[in-house]
Amino acid sequence: MDQENKGNELDEQVQKINALHTELTSLQIQSKQKTIEIGGLLSTLWDELPYSGIDSWSKNSLAFSERTARMYMGSFAKKDKELWQNFKF
């Protein structure tokens, strides 16, 4: 393989790497946004439920554990800090 073909192949690989990185960054942001949205919805519902009914409601209604629900709500509570934390562009 000559130098020009090697250079083209390298350029294509670099472009693909950068495109994949951009896609992953976008997915990370979307994931954080959805986590915060779920947390907001759960926080609203949690406030409306009697304390004694939270456990049974979460077990019967949610596809995930109460612990996970609390993680979502925690993300919502600190949403301004969490959304952009750990992102390096």
Protein backbone atom coordinates (compact mmCIF):
# COMPACT_ATOMS: atom_id res chain seq x y z
CA MET A 1 0.00 0.00 0.00
CA ASP A 2 1.46 3.35 -0.94
CA GLN A 3 1.71 6.40 1.34
CA GLU A 4 -1.29 8.17 -0.19
CA ASN A 5 -3.61 5.20 0.40
CA LYS A 6 -2.31 4.80 3.96
CA GLY A 7 -2.97 8.49 4.57
CA ASN A 8 -6.52 8.23 3.20
CA GLU A 9 -7.23 5.16 5.30
CA LEU A 10 -5.88 6.90 8.39
CA ASP A 11 -7.99 9.99 7.68
CA GLU A 12 -11.11 7.83 7.33
CA GLN A 13 -10.39 6.08 10.63
CA VAL A 14 -9.82 9.39 12.40
CA GLN A 15 -13.07 10.77 10.98
CA LYS A 16 -14.95 7.68 12.18
CA ILE A 17 -13.39 7.93 15.65
CA ASN A 18 -14.36 11.59 15.93
CA ALA A 19 -17.89 10.90 14.66
CA LEU A 20 -18.34 8.09 17.19
CA HIS A 21 -17.05 10.34 19.97
CA THR A 22 -19.53 13.06 19.00
CA GLU A 23 -22.35 10.50 18.95
CA LEU A 24 -21.40 9.17 22.39
CA THR A 25 -21.26 12.68 23.83
CA SER A 26 -24.74 13.34 22.48
CA LEU A 27 -26.03 10.07 23.94
CA GLN A 28 -24.52 10.91 27.33
CA ILE A 29 -26.29 14.26 27.35
CA GLN A 30 -29.58 12.65 26.28
CA SER A 31 -29.20 10.01 28.97
CA LYS A 32 -28.64 12.66 31.66
CA GLN A 33 -31.62 14.66 30.40
CA LYS A 34 -33.90 11.60 30.50
CA THR A 35 -32.63 10.65 33.97
CA ILE A 36 -33.48 14.14 35.21
CA GLU A 37 -36.88 14.07 33.50
CA ILE A 38 -37.77 10.73 35.10
CA GLY A 39 -36.62 12.11 38.45
CA GLY A 40 -38.86 15.15 38.07
CA LEU A 41 -41.89 13.02 37.22
CA LEU A 42 -41.19 10.69 40.14
CA SER A 43 -40.67 13.60 42.53
CA THR A 44 -44.08 14.99 41.63
CA LEU A 45 -45.76 11.62 42.10
CA TRP A 46 -43.87 10.93 45.33
CA ASP A 47 -45.13 14.22 46.78
CA GLU A 48 -48.73 13.22 46.00
CA LEU A 49 -48.55 9.73 47.51
CA PRO A 50 -49.07 9.08 51.21
CA TYR A 51 -45.79 8.02 52.78
CA SER A 52 -47.20 4.63 53.74
CA GLY A 53 -48.18 3.90 50.14
CA ILE A 54 -44.89 4.67 48.42
CA ASP A 55 -43.39 1.22 48.89
CA SER A 56 -46.34 -0.73 47.54
CA TRP A 57 -46.94 1.76 44.73
CA SER A 58 -43.35 1.59 43.54
CA LYS A 59 -43.29 -2.23 43.67
CA ASN A 60 -46.56 -2.52 41.76
CA SER A 61 -46.08 0.29 39.26
CA LEU A 62 -42.43 0.77 38.40
CA ALA A 63 -40.22 -1.44 36.23
CA PHE A 64 -37.30 -0.67 38.54
CA SER A 65 -36.53 -0.63 42.24
CA GLU A 66 -37.34 2.07 44.75
CA ARG A 67 -33.59 2.59 45.11
CA THR A 68 -33.35 3.37 41.39
CA ALA A 69 -36.32 5.72 41.73
CA ARG A 70 -34.52 7.56 44.50
CA MET A 71 -31.42 7.82 42.30
CA TYR A 72 -33.54 9.41 39.57
CA MET A 73 -35.08 11.84 42.04
CA GLY A 74 -31.63 12.69 43.40
CA SER A 75 -30.48 13.53 39.88
CA PHE A 76 -33.51 15.78 39.48
CA ALA A 77 -32.83 17.52 42.79
CA LYS A 78 -29.31 18.44 41.71
CA LYS A 79 -30.11 18.79 38.01
CA ASP A 80 -28.25 22.02 37.32
CA LYS A 81 -25.01 20.58 38.65
CA GLU A 82 -25.49 17.05 37.27
CA LEU A 83 -26.39 17.85 33.72
CA TRP A 84 -22.97 19.17 32.77
CA GLN A 85 -20.76 17.58 35.38
CA ASN A 86 -18.03 15.32 34.01
CA PHE A 87 -18.50 16.40 30.41
CA LYS A 88 -15.37 17.49 28.65
CA PHE A 89 -15.93 18.74 25.13
